[in-house]
Each structure stands twice: as structure tokens, then as C-alpha cells.
C-alpha atoms as a PDB file:
ATOM      1  CA  MET A   1      24.631 -30.494 -43.748  1.00  0.00           C
ATOM      2  CA  LYS A   2      27.049 -30.045 -40.829  1.00  0.00           C
ATOM      3  CA  LYS A   3      27.792 -26.537 -42.019  1.00  0.00           C
ATOM      4  CA  ILE A   4      24.078 -25.700 -42.188  1.00  0.00           C
ATOM      5  CA  LEU A   5      23.471 -27.124 -38.696  1.00  0.00           C
ATOM      6  CA  SER A   6      26.419 -25.141 -37.378  1.00  0.00           C
ATOM      7  CA  ILE A   7      25.021 -21.924 -38.858  1.00  0.00           C
ATOM      8  CA  LEU A   8      21.554 -22.650 -37.453  1.00  0.00           C
ATOM      9  CA  LEU A   9      23.012 -23.378 -34.010  1.00  0.00           C
ATOM     10  CA  SER A  10      24.935 -20.116 -34.110  1.00  0.00           C
ATOM     11  CA  LEU A  11      21.748 -18.242 -35.023  1.00  0.00           C
ATOM     12  CA  VAL A  12      19.847 -19.857 -32.140  1.00  0.00           C
ATOM     13  CA  ILE A  13      22.595 -18.863 -29.692  1.00  0.00           C
ATOM     14  CA  MET A  14      22.653 -15.290 -31.040  1.00  0.00           C
ATOM     15  CA  ILE A  15      18.864 -14.978 -30.770  1.00  0.00           C
ATOM     16  CA  SER A  16      18.949 -16.354 -27.209  1.00  0.00           C
ATOM     17  CA  LEU A  17      21.672 -13.919 -26.206  1.00  0.00           C
ATOM     18  CA  PHE A  18      19.773 -11.056 -27.819  1.00  0.00           C
ATOM     19  CA  GLY A  19      16.633 -12.062 -25.932  1.00  0.00           C
ATOM     20  CA  CYS A  20      18.497 -12.199 -22.619  1.00  0.00           C
ATOM     21  CA  ASN A  21      20.159  -8.850 -23.236  1.00  0.00           C
ATOM     22  CA  LYS A  22      16.801  -7.348 -24.156  1.00  0.00           C
ATOM     23  CA  LYS A  23      15.275  -8.605 -20.887  1.00  0.00           C
ATOM     24  CA  GLU A  24      18.198  -7.251 -18.862  1.00  0.00           C
ATOM     25  CA  ALA A  25      17.916  -3.913 -20.650  1.00  0.00           C
ATOM     26  CA  ALA A  26      14.201  -3.792 -19.842  1.00  0.00           C
ATOM     27  CA  LYS A  27      14.991  -4.416 -16.184  1.00  0.00           C
ATOM     28  CA  ASP A  28      17.421  -1.517 -16.075  1.00  0.00           C
ATOM     29  CA  ASP A  29      15.177   0.704 -18.190  1.00  0.00           C
ATOM     30  CA  GLU A  30      12.789   1.669 -15.345  1.00  0.00           C
ATOM     31  CA  LEU A  31      15.601   3.136 -13.252  1.00  0.00           C
ATOM     32  CA  SER A  32      17.325   4.833 -16.179  1.00  0.00           C
ATOM     33  CA  LYS A  33      14.060   6.463 -17.310  1.00  0.00           C
ATOM     34  CA  ILE A  34      13.432   7.802 -13.814  1.00  0.00           C
ATOM     35  CA  LYS A  35      16.948   9.213 -13.537  1.00  0.00           C
ATOM     36  CA  LYS A  36      16.713  10.722 -17.001  1.00  0.00           C
ATOM     37  CA  ALA A  37      13.405  12.390 -16.093  1.00  0.00           C
ATOM     38  CA  GLY A  38      14.880  13.615 -12.822  1.00  0.00           C
ATOM     39  CA  LYS A  39      11.812  12.545 -10.868  1.00  0.00           C
ATOM     40  CA  ILE A  40       9.995   9.484  -9.586  1.00  0.00           C
ATOM     41  CA  VAL A  41       6.189   9.504  -9.548  1.00  0.00           C
ATOM     42  CA  LEU A  42       4.540   8.115  -6.438  1.00  0.00           C
ATOM     43  CA  GLY A  43       1.016   6.727  -6.457  1.00  0.00           C
ATOM     44  CA  THR A  44      -0.794   6.773  -3.107  1.00  0.00           C
ATOM     45  CA  SER A  45      -4.258   7.064  -1.590  1.00  0.00           C
ATOM     46  CA  ALA A  46      -3.920   9.920   0.877  1.00  0.00           C
ATOM     47  CA  ASP A  47      -6.845   9.136   3.154  1.00  0.00           C
ATOM     48  CA  TYR A  48      -5.089   6.618   5.379  1.00  0.00           C
ATOM     49  CA  PRO A  49      -3.506   8.297   8.436  1.00  0.00           C
ATOM     50  CA  PRO A  50      -0.839   7.834   9.687  1.00  0.00           C
ATOM     51  CA  TYR A  51       0.381   6.169   6.456  1.00  0.00           C
ATOM     52  CA  GLU A  52      -0.618   9.017   4.102  1.00  0.00           C
ATOM     53  CA  PHE A  53      -3.094  11.851   4.545  1.00  0.00           C
ATOM     54  CA  HIS A  54      -3.756  15.514   3.827  1.00  0.00           C
ATOM     55  CA  LYS A  55      -2.632  18.150   6.324  1.00  0.00           C
ATOM     56  CA  VAL A  56      -2.726  21.939   6.125  1.00  0.00           C
ATOM     57  CA  ILE A  57       0.748  23.200   7.020  1.00  0.00           C
ATOM     58  CA  ASN A  58       1.516  26.934   6.934  1.00  0.00           C
ATOM     59  CA  GLY A  59      -1.700  27.474   5.024  1.00  0.00           C
ATOM     60  CA  GLN A  60      -0.821  24.893   2.357  1.00  0.00           C
ATOM     61  CA  ASP A  61      -2.508  21.541   1.812  1.00  0.00           C
ATOM     62  CA  GLU A  62       0.205  18.874   1.904  1.00  0.00           C
ATOM     63  CA  ILE A  63       0.237  15.086   1.729  1.00  0.00           C
ATOM     64  CA  VAL A  64       2.090  13.757   4.759  1.00  0.00           C
ATOM     65  CA  GLY A  65       2.517  10.468   6.639  1.00  0.00           C
ATOM     66  CA  PHE A  66       5.171   7.869   7.266  1.00  0.00           C
ATOM     67  CA  ASP A  67       4.734   6.300   3.803  1.00  0.00           C
ATOM     68  CA  ILE A  68       5.434   9.717   2.308  1.00  0.00           C
ATOM     69  CA  GLU A  69       8.620  10.065   4.357  1.00  0.00           C
ATOM     70  CA  ILE A  70       9.747   6.661   3.087  1.00  0.00           C
ATOM     71  CA  ALA A  71       9.028   7.707  -0.502  1.00  0.00           C
ATOM     72  CA  LYS A  72      10.959  10.958   0.002  1.00  0.00           C
ATOM     73  CA  GLN A  73      13.996   9.012   1.225  1.00  0.00           C
ATOM     74  CA  ILE A  74      13.848   6.665  -1.765  1.00  0.00           C
ATOM     75  CA  ALA A  75      13.737   9.650  -4.132  1.00  0.00           C
ATOM     76  CA  LYS A  76      16.653  11.246  -2.281  1.00  0.00           C
ATOM     77  CA  ASP A  77      18.696   8.047  -2.492  1.00  0.00           C
ATOM     78  CA  LEU A  78      18.018   7.877  -6.241  1.00  0.00           C
ATOM     79  CA  GLY A  79      18.995  11.526  -6.646  1.00  0.00           C
ATOM     80  CA  VAL A  80      15.642  12.571  -8.126  1.00  0.00           C
ATOM     81  CA  GLU A  81      12.612  14.668  -7.177  1.00  0.00           C
ATOM     82  CA  LEU A  82       9.438  13.086  -5.781  1.00  0.00           C
ATOM     83  CA  GLU A  83       6.113  13.758  -7.501  1.00  0.00           C
ATOM     84  CA  ILE A  84       2.996  12.593  -5.632  1.00  0.00           C
ATOM     85  CA  LYS A  85      -0.234  11.529  -7.299  1.00  0.00           C
ATOM     86  CA  ASP A  86      -3.203  11.062  -4.983  1.00  0.00           C
ATOM     87  CA  MET A  87      -5.850   8.619  -6.222  1.00  0.00           C
ATOM     88  CA  LYS A  88      -8.339   6.000  -5.049  1.00  0.00           C
ATOM     89  CA  PHE A  89      -6.718   2.918  -3.561  1.00  0.00           C
ATOM     90  CA  ASP A  90      -8.482   0.501  -5.903  1.00  0.00           C
ATOM     91  CA  GLY A  91      -7.058   2.375  -8.926  1.00  0.00           C
ATOM     92  CA  LEU A  92      -3.396   2.297  -7.889  1.00  0.00           C
ATOM     93  CA  LEU A  93      -2.391  -1.019  -9.463  1.00  0.00           C
ATOM     94  CA  ALA A  94      -3.992  -0.124 -12.798  1.00  0.00           C
ATOM     95  CA  ALA A  95      -2.213   3.258 -12.768  1.00  0.00           C
ATOM     96  CA  LEU A  96       1.118   1.529 -12.110  1.00  0.00           C
ATOM     97  CA  GLN A  97       0.640  -0.976 -14.914  1.00  0.00           C
ATOM     98  CA  ALA A  98      -0.403   1.816 -17.284  1.00  0.00           C
ATOM     99  CA  GLY A  99       2.809   3.728 -16.549  1.00  0.00           C
ATOM    100  CA  LYS A 100       1.034   6.710 -14.958  1.00  0.00           C
ATOM    101  CA  ILE A 101       3.062   6.248 -11.764  1.00  0.00           C
ATOM    102  CA  ASP A 102       6.452   4.646 -11.045  1.00  0.00           C
ATOM    103  CA  PHE A 103       5.777   3.048  -7.660  1.00  0.00           C
ATOM    104  CA  ILE A 104       3.089   2.625  -5.011  1.00  0.00           C
ATOM    105  CA  VAL A 105       3.639   3.409  -1.344  1.00  0.00           C
ATOM    106  CA  SER A 106       0.201   3.233   0.237  1.00  0.00           C
ATOM    107  CA  GLY A 107       0.099   0.735   3.089  1.00  0.00           C
ATOM    108  CA  MET A 108      -0.339  -1.987   0.469  1.00  0.00           C
ATOM    109  CA  THR A 109      -0.117  -5.630   1.502  1.00  0.00           C
ATOM    110  CA  PRO A 110       1.774  -7.871  -0.982  1.00  0.00           C
ATOM    111  CA  THR A 111      -0.916 -10.519  -1.475  1.00  0.00           C
ATOM    112  CA  GLU A 112      -0.446 -13.435  -3.856  1.00  0.00           C
ATOM    113  CA  GLU A 113      -3.184 -12.030  -6.088  1.00  0.00           C
ATOM    114  CA  ARG A 114      -1.451  -8.646  -6.381  1.00  0.00           C
ATOM    115  CA  LYS A 115       1.898 -10.326  -7.070  1.00  0.00           C
ATOM    116  CA  LYS A 116       0.436 -11.657 -10.326  1.00  0.00           C
ATOM    117  CA  SER A 117       0.404  -8.156 -11.790  1.00  0.00           C
ATOM    118  CA  VAL A 118       3.210  -6.266  -9.969  1.00  0.00           C
ATOM    119  CA  ASP A 119       6.425  -6.878  -8.055  1.00  0.00           C
ATOM    120  CA  PHE A 120       6.838  -5.959  -4.390  1.00  0.00           C
ATOM    121  CA  SER A 121       9.689  -4.760  -2.227  1.00  0.00           C
ATOM    122  CA  ASP A 122      10.582  -6.261   1.117  1.00  0.00           C
ATOM    123  CA  VAL A 123       7.919  -5.691   3.784  1.00  0.00           C
ATOM    124  CA  TYR A 124       8.726  -2.491   5.658  1.00  0.00           C
ATOM    125  CA  TYR A 125       5.945  -2.368   8.258  1.00  0.00           C
ATOM    126  CA  TYR A 126       3.671  -4.834  10.054  1.00  0.00           C
ATOM    127  CA  ALA A 127       0.316  -3.953  11.594  1.00  0.00           C
ATOM    128  CA  VAL A 128      -2.675  -5.882  12.927  1.00  0.00           C
ATOM    129  CA  GLN A 129      -6.262  -5.615  11.737  1.00  0.00           C
ATOM    130  CA  THR A 130      -8.920  -4.240  14.074  1.00  0.00           C
ATOM    131  CA  VAL A 131     -12.677  -3.762  14.147  1.00  0.00           C
ATOM    132  CA  VAL A 132     -13.778  -0.209  14.946  1.00  0.00           C
ATOM    133  CA  ILE A 133     -17.229   0.381  16.420  1.00  0.00           C
ATOM    134  CA  ARG A 134     -19.134   3.191  18.122  1.00  0.00           C
ATOM    135  CA  ALA A 135     -18.248   3.534  21.801  1.00  0.00           C
ATOM    136  CA  GLU A 136     -21.908   3.192  22.719  1.00  0.00           C
ATOM    137  CA  ASP A 137     -21.876  -0.314  21.178  1.00  0.00           C
ATOM    138  CA  LYS A 138     -18.938  -1.653  23.205  1.00  0.00           C
ATOM    139  CA  ASP A 139     -21.125  -4.259  24.929  1.00  0.00           C
ATOM    140  CA  LYS A 140     -23.044  -5.074  21.766  1.00  0.00           C
ATOM    141  CA  TYR A 141     -20.148  -6.118  19.499  1.00  0.00           C
ATOM    142  CA  LYS A 142     -17.547  -8.232  21.281  1.00  0.00           C
ATOM    143  CA  THR A 143     -17.204 -11.224  18.924  1.00  0.00           C
ATOM    144  CA  LEU A 144     -17.496 -11.989  15.232  1.00  0.00           C
ATOM    145  CA  GLU A 145     -20.776 -13.747  15.988  1.00  0.00           C
ATOM    146  CA  ASP A 146     -22.156 -10.483  17.372  1.00  0.00           C
ATOM    147  CA  LEU A 147     -21.676  -8.900  13.938  1.00  0.00           C
ATOM    148  CA  LYS A 148     -24.014 -11.380  12.241  1.00  0.00           C
ATOM    149  CA  GLY A 149     -26.440  -9.314  10.174  1.00  0.00           C
ATOM    150  CA  ALA A 150     -24.578  -6.072  10.946  1.00  0.00           C
ATOM    151  CA  LYS A 151     -23.310  -3.628   8.310  1.00  0.00           C
ATOM    152  CA  VAL A 152     -19.509  -3.668   8.115  1.00  0.00           C
ATOM    153  CA  GLY A 153     -17.492  -1.016   6.245  1.00  0.00           C
ATOM    154  CA  VAL A 154     -14.226  -1.700   4.389  1.00  0.00           C
ATOM    155  CA  GLN A 155     -12.087   0.096   1.831  1.00  0.00           C
ATOM    156  CA  LYS A 156     -12.714  -1.137  -1.699  1.00  0.00           C
ATOM    157  CA  GLY A 157      -9.852  -3.206  -3.115  1.00  0.00           C
ATOM    158  CA  SER A 158      -8.130  -3.535   0.267  1.00  0.00           C
ATOM    159  CA  ILE A 159      -7.031  -6.580   2.250  1.00  0.00           C
ATOM    160  CA  GLN A 160      -9.773  -5.678   4.739  1.00  0.00           C
ATOM    161  CA  GLU A 161     -12.407  -6.324   2.085  1.00  0.00           C
ATOM    162  CA  GLY A 162     -11.082  -9.873   1.705  1.00  0.00           C
ATOM    163  CA  LEU A 163     -11.056 -10.360   5.485  1.00  0.00           C
ATOM    164  CA  ALA A 164     -14.679  -9.243   5.711  1.00  0.00           C
ATOM    165  CA  GLN A 165     -15.690 -11.720   3.038  1.00  0.00           C
ATOM    166  CA  LYS A 166     -13.803 -14.469   4.863  1.00  0.00           C
ATOM    167  CA  TYR A 167     -14.811 -13.832   8.471  1.00  0.00           C
ATOM    168  CA  MET A 168     -18.077 -11.938   8.148  1.00  0.00           C
ATOM    169  CA  SER A 169     -20.001 -13.734   5.432  1.00  0.00           C
ATOM    170  CA  ASN A 170     -23.139 -13.375   7.566  1.00  0.00           C
ATOM    171  CA  SER A 171     -22.696  -9.602   7.720  1.00  0.00           C
ATOM    172  CA  GLU A 172     -23.597  -6.974   5.122  1.00  0.00           C
ATOM    173  CA  ILE A 173     -20.302  -5.772   3.639  1.00  0.00           C
ATOM    174  CA  LYS A 174     -20.149  -2.133   2.505  1.00  0.00           C
ATOM    175  CA  ALA A 175     -17.065  -1.403   0.350  1.00  0.00           C
ATOM    176  CA  VAL A 176     -16.265   2.275  -0.259  1.00  0.00           C
ATOM    177  CA  GLY A 177     -13.380   4.169  -1.838  1.00  0.00           C
ATOM    178  CA  LYS A 178     -12.202   6.351   1.043  1.00  0.00           C
ATOM    179  CA  ILE A 179     -11.296   5.550   4.638  1.00  0.00           C
ATOM    180  CA  SER A 180     -12.697   8.916   5.726  1.00  0.00           C
ATOM    181  CA  ASP A 181     -16.095   7.927   4.309  1.00  0.00           C
ATOM    182  CA  ILE A 182     -16.027   4.711   6.338  1.00  0.00           C
ATOM    183  CA  PHE A 183     -15.529   6.589   9.607  1.00  0.00           C
ATOM    184  CA  LEU A 184     -18.198   9.131   8.649  1.00  0.00           C
ATOM    185  CA  SER A 185     -20.644   6.309   7.894  1.00  0.00           C
ATOM    186  CA  LEU A 186     -19.841   4.728  11.246  1.00  0.00           C
ATOM    187  CA  LYS A 187     -20.441   7.977  13.125  1.00  0.00           C
ATOM    188  CA  ASP A 188     -23.684   8.578  11.170  1.00  0.00           C
ATOM    189  CA  LYS A 189     -24.841   5.023  11.959  1.00  0.00           C
ATOM    190  CA  LYS A 190     -24.995   3.988   8.316  1.00  0.00           C
ATOM    191  CA  ILE A 191     -22.729   1.061   9.211  1.00  0.00           C
ATOM    192  CA  ASP A 192     -22.227  -0.748  12.520  1.00  0.00           C
ATOM    193  CA  ALA A 193     -18.524  -1.587  12.361  1.00  0.00           C
ATOM    194  CA  ALA A 194     -15.443  -1.221  10.167  1.00  0.00           C
ATOM    195  CA  ILE A 195     -12.328  -3.310   9.584  1.00  0.00           C
ATOM    196  CA  ILE A 196      -9.334  -0.957   9.776  1.00  0.00           C
ATOM    197  CA  GLU A 197      -5.583  -1.484  10.159  1.00  0.00           C
ATOM    198  CA  GLN A 198      -4.464  -0.728  13.728  1.00  0.00           C
ATOM    199  CA  PRO A 199      -2.383   2.474  13.215  1.00  0.00           C
ATOM    200  CA  VAL A 200      -5.117   3.982  11.058  1.00  0.00           C
ATOM    201  CA  ALA A 201      -7.830   2.893  13.479  1.00  0.00           C
ATOM    202  CA  GLN A 202      -5.953   4.326  16.462  1.00  0.00           C
ATOM    203  CA  ALA A 203      -5.278   7.640  14.715  1.00  0.00           C
ATOM    204  CA  ASN A 204      -8.978   8.096  13.944  1.00  0.00           C
ATOM    205  CA  VAL A 205     -10.250   6.865  17.310  1.00  0.00           C
ATOM    206  CA  ASN A 206      -7.943   9.342  19.059  1.00  0.00           C
ATOM    207  CA  LYS A 207      -9.748  12.239  17.394  1.00  0.00           C
ATOM    208  CA  ASN A 208     -13.247  10.711  17.564  1.00  0.00           C
ATOM    209  CA  LYS A 209     -14.091   9.892  21.170  1.00  0.00           C
ATOM    210  CA  ASP A 210     -17.447   8.427  20.134  1.00  0.00           C
ATOM    211  CA  LEU A 211     -15.566   5.597  18.371  1.00  0.00           C
ATOM    212  CA  MET A 212     -13.436   2.777  19.778  1.00  0.00           C
ATOM    213  CA  ILE A 213     -11.440  -0.300  18.793  1.00  0.00           C
ATOM    214  CA  SER A 214     -13.420  -3.402  19.737  1.00  0.00           C
ATOM    215  CA  GLU A 215     -12.203  -6.602  21.373  1.00  0.00           C
ATOM    216  CA  ILE A 216     -12.748  -8.550  18.143  1.00  0.00           C
ATOM    217  CA  LYS A 217      -9.559 -10.135  16.794  1.00  0.00           C
ATOM    218  CA  LEU A 218      -8.911 -10.966  13.139  1.00  0.00           C
ATOM    219  CA  GLU A 219      -6.264 -13.311  11.781  1.00  0.00           C
ATOM    220  CA  SER A 220      -4.665 -12.528   8.421  1.00  0.00           C
ATOM    221  CA  GLU A 221      -2.372 -14.795   6.406  1.00  0.00           C
ATOM    222  CA  ASP A 222      -1.266 -11.772   4.357  1.00  0.00           C
ATOM    223  CA  ALA A 223       0.538  -9.281   6.552  1.00  0.00           C
ATOM    224  CA  GLY A 224       2.655  -6.188   6.318  1.00  0.00           C
ATOM    225  CA  SER A 225       3.063  -3.304   3.900  1.00  0.00           C
ATOM    226  CA  ALA A 226       5.393  -3.262   0.892  1.00  0.00           C
ATOM    227  CA  ILE A 227       6.159  -1.046  -2.088  1.00  0.00           C
ATOM    228  CA  ALA A 228       4.804  -2.031  -5.516  1.00  0.00           C
ATOM    229  CA  VAL A 229       6.619  -1.536  -8.834  1.00  0.00           C
ATOM    230  CA  ARG A 230       5.958  -2.776 -12.353  1.00  0.00           C
ATOM    231  CA  LYS A 231       6.954  -6.340 -13.199  1.00  0.00           C
ATOM    232  CA  ASN A 232      10.646  -6.859 -13.984  1.00  0.00           C
ATOM    233  CA  SER A 233      11.732  -3.453 -12.691  1.00  0.00           C
ATOM    234  CA  GLY A 234      15.132  -4.919 -11.820  1.00  0.00           C
ATOM    235  CA  GLU A 235      17.536  -2.262 -10.552  1.00  0.00           C
ATOM    236  CA  LEU A 236      14.720   0.040  -9.421  1.00  0.00           C
ATOM    237  CA  LEU A 237      13.418  -2.609  -7.033  1.00  0.00           C
ATOM    238  CA  THR A 238      16.964  -3.360  -5.865  1.00  0.00           C
ATOM    239  CA  GLU A 239      17.550   0.312  -5.036  1.00  0.00           C
ATOM    240  CA  ILE A 240      14.190   0.583  -3.250  1.00  0.00           C
ATOM    241  CA  ASN A 241      15.050  -2.423  -1.083  1.00  0.00           C
ATOM    242  CA  LYS A 242      18.425  -0.863  -0.261  1.00  0.00           C
ATOM    243  CA  SER A 243      16.709   2.308   0.927  1.00  0.00           C
ATOM    244  CA  LEU A 244      14.200   0.343   2.990  1.00  0.00           C
ATOM    245  CA  LYS A 245      16.948  -1.731   4.629  1.00  0.00           C
ATOM    246  CA  ASN A 246      18.878   1.400   5.571  1.00  0.00           C
ATOM    247  CA  LEU A 247      15.742   2.966   7.054  1.00  0.00           C
ATOM    248  CA  MET A 248      14.835  -0.161   9.020  1.00  0.00           C
ATOM    249  CA  ASP A 249      18.387  -0.724  10.269  1.00  0.00           C
ATOM    250  CA  ALA A 250      18.474   2.868  11.554  1.00  0.00           C
ATOM    251  CA  LYS A 251      14.979   2.505  13.117  1.00  0.00           C
ATOM    252  CA  LYS A 252      13.897   5.481  11.020  1.00  0.00           C
ATOM    253  CA  ILE A 253      10.536   4.000  10.032  1.00  0.00           C
ATOM    254  CA  ASP A 254       9.559   3.771  13.705  1.00  0.00           C
ATOM    255  CA  GLU A 255      10.436   7.473  14.013  1.00  0.00           C
ATOM    256  CA  PHE A 256       8.362   8.271  10.908  1.00  0.00           C
ATOM    257  CA  VAL A 257       5.350   6.453  12.408  1.00  0.00           C
ATOM    258  CA  ILE A 258       5.579   8.405  15.681  1.00  0.00           C
ATOM    259  CA  LYS A 259       5.908  11.755  13.877  1.00  0.00           C
ATOM    260  CA  ALA A 260       3.040  10.933  11.511  1.00  0.00           C
ATOM    261  CA  ASN A 261       0.746  10.082  14.412  1.00  0.00           C
ATOM    262  CA  GLU A 262       1.596  13.444  15.990  1.00  0.00           C
ATOM    263  CA  LEU A 263       0.358  15.179  12.821  1.00  0.00           C
ATOM    264  CA  VAL A 264      -3.021  13.441  12.891  1.00  0.00           C
ATOM    265  CA  ASP A 265      -5.680  15.702  14.410  1.00  0.00           C
END
């Protein structure tokens, strides 16, 4: 009996060790696959200046922005090429989980709900939320109460959609896929206001003088932008955080933001 118990105990230990090794191998597998392929595939929604947006440079349509510069540096640090896939924001997490992309850099806030399905890097950028309105309505919409019954635009699947549901339950919330469509709807008077992150709001207001950032202030428990990777990505996430730390320590992200804003027209 003792001999049988000893054999069983040995088997249990071997199975446990095998399980642990398998988990560790899975963690390292993401990074090794990327290096073997020689490229890392970025998922982003390129309608969110100055984070990521389309720009014609030397006659060629390119995706630019400070998120893109961060992604380029990560690829460089890993010693691989960067491939960019542009898609709707609300489809990014599903694409990541399905293995169609390797990471998401798209001004994404690491909410508790999102953390259930993916892992996030350290936060690399903080911004405040603003309410954009038409300049002609500056005296009409000064408080949240003023927006009661108004039509408010947000990007589908974004943190702004959650904020609208929380703070503007008496308003009519219009969720759409693209940021550009929100601003167009605002200019065409199809909506009365829009919740937009400050850098994005400022970039669009600068080129649309008939729009402005209102005095309305919004509080958000979830803050900042982080990079998303698949669950248990291990070494890949470690390397991404190393790149982000180096960029932040050197104040490079601040430089990227300034340069990206200069490209917005």
C-alpha cells in the first residue's frame, strides 16, 4: 500500500509540474511566435486623432498618431516589423481574442470589464473627458442638467458610452462606430453634444471653428490609456511594459503627442 501511495504521489507531482511548465510555455509562446514571424500585428481604430488617424503624406495614405509611434517603438525593441490593422473600435477586443491581431494600441482604457477578457500594460497616457458642442450653443449647454432631453453622441464600445449612460440617463444617447461620424453629426445638427477625450476633442475643435469644448465636467473612475494583449501573454507583456517605461522616462510620449497634434489638419 505504501508503495502504491508513493507511486501515486509521484504521478501527482509530475502532472503538477507538467501543468506548470505548460502554463509557463504558453506565456512565452506569444513572444516566440511574434519573433518567429518577424512581425507584430497591431489592432487600432484609426479615426481618433491625435492617438491614431489617417494622413496623406507624400501622396500616400498613412496611419499616424502618437499611439502608432508607441507601437513602432515596441516593434523596434522586439526586433520585428509592425503590421497595422485598422478596424472599428468595438471589434478590437474580439479580434485580439481570436488571434487576428497581437496587441491593441488605440487609446483604450483598462476598465475592470475589459480586464476580464484581456490583459493590460501599464497606463501610458492620462486624459480628461470633455463634452463638445456647437459654438452657437455655448450659452445653451453649460451643465449636465442642460443636456436633459438632448441627443448626445459617443463612440460605440468606448468608455464615453459608459459615462453617457451614467451621467446623462435623461439624454438620448447615440452610439456610433467612428469618431469622425460623431463630429459630422454634431456639425449637421443630428446630435446636440458629444463626449470626447480631451486630446481628440481639441484636435477636432482646432480644425472646426463652429465647434467648441463646453464647460461641462465629467468624472471618470476609469482613467488613462493602456495596451491590451491576450490573457497570459507573459514575456510579451513584460517587454511591452519595458518599452513603455523607457518612453515615459525619456518623456518621448509627450513629444509624440505634440508631433501628432501638429499633423492633425
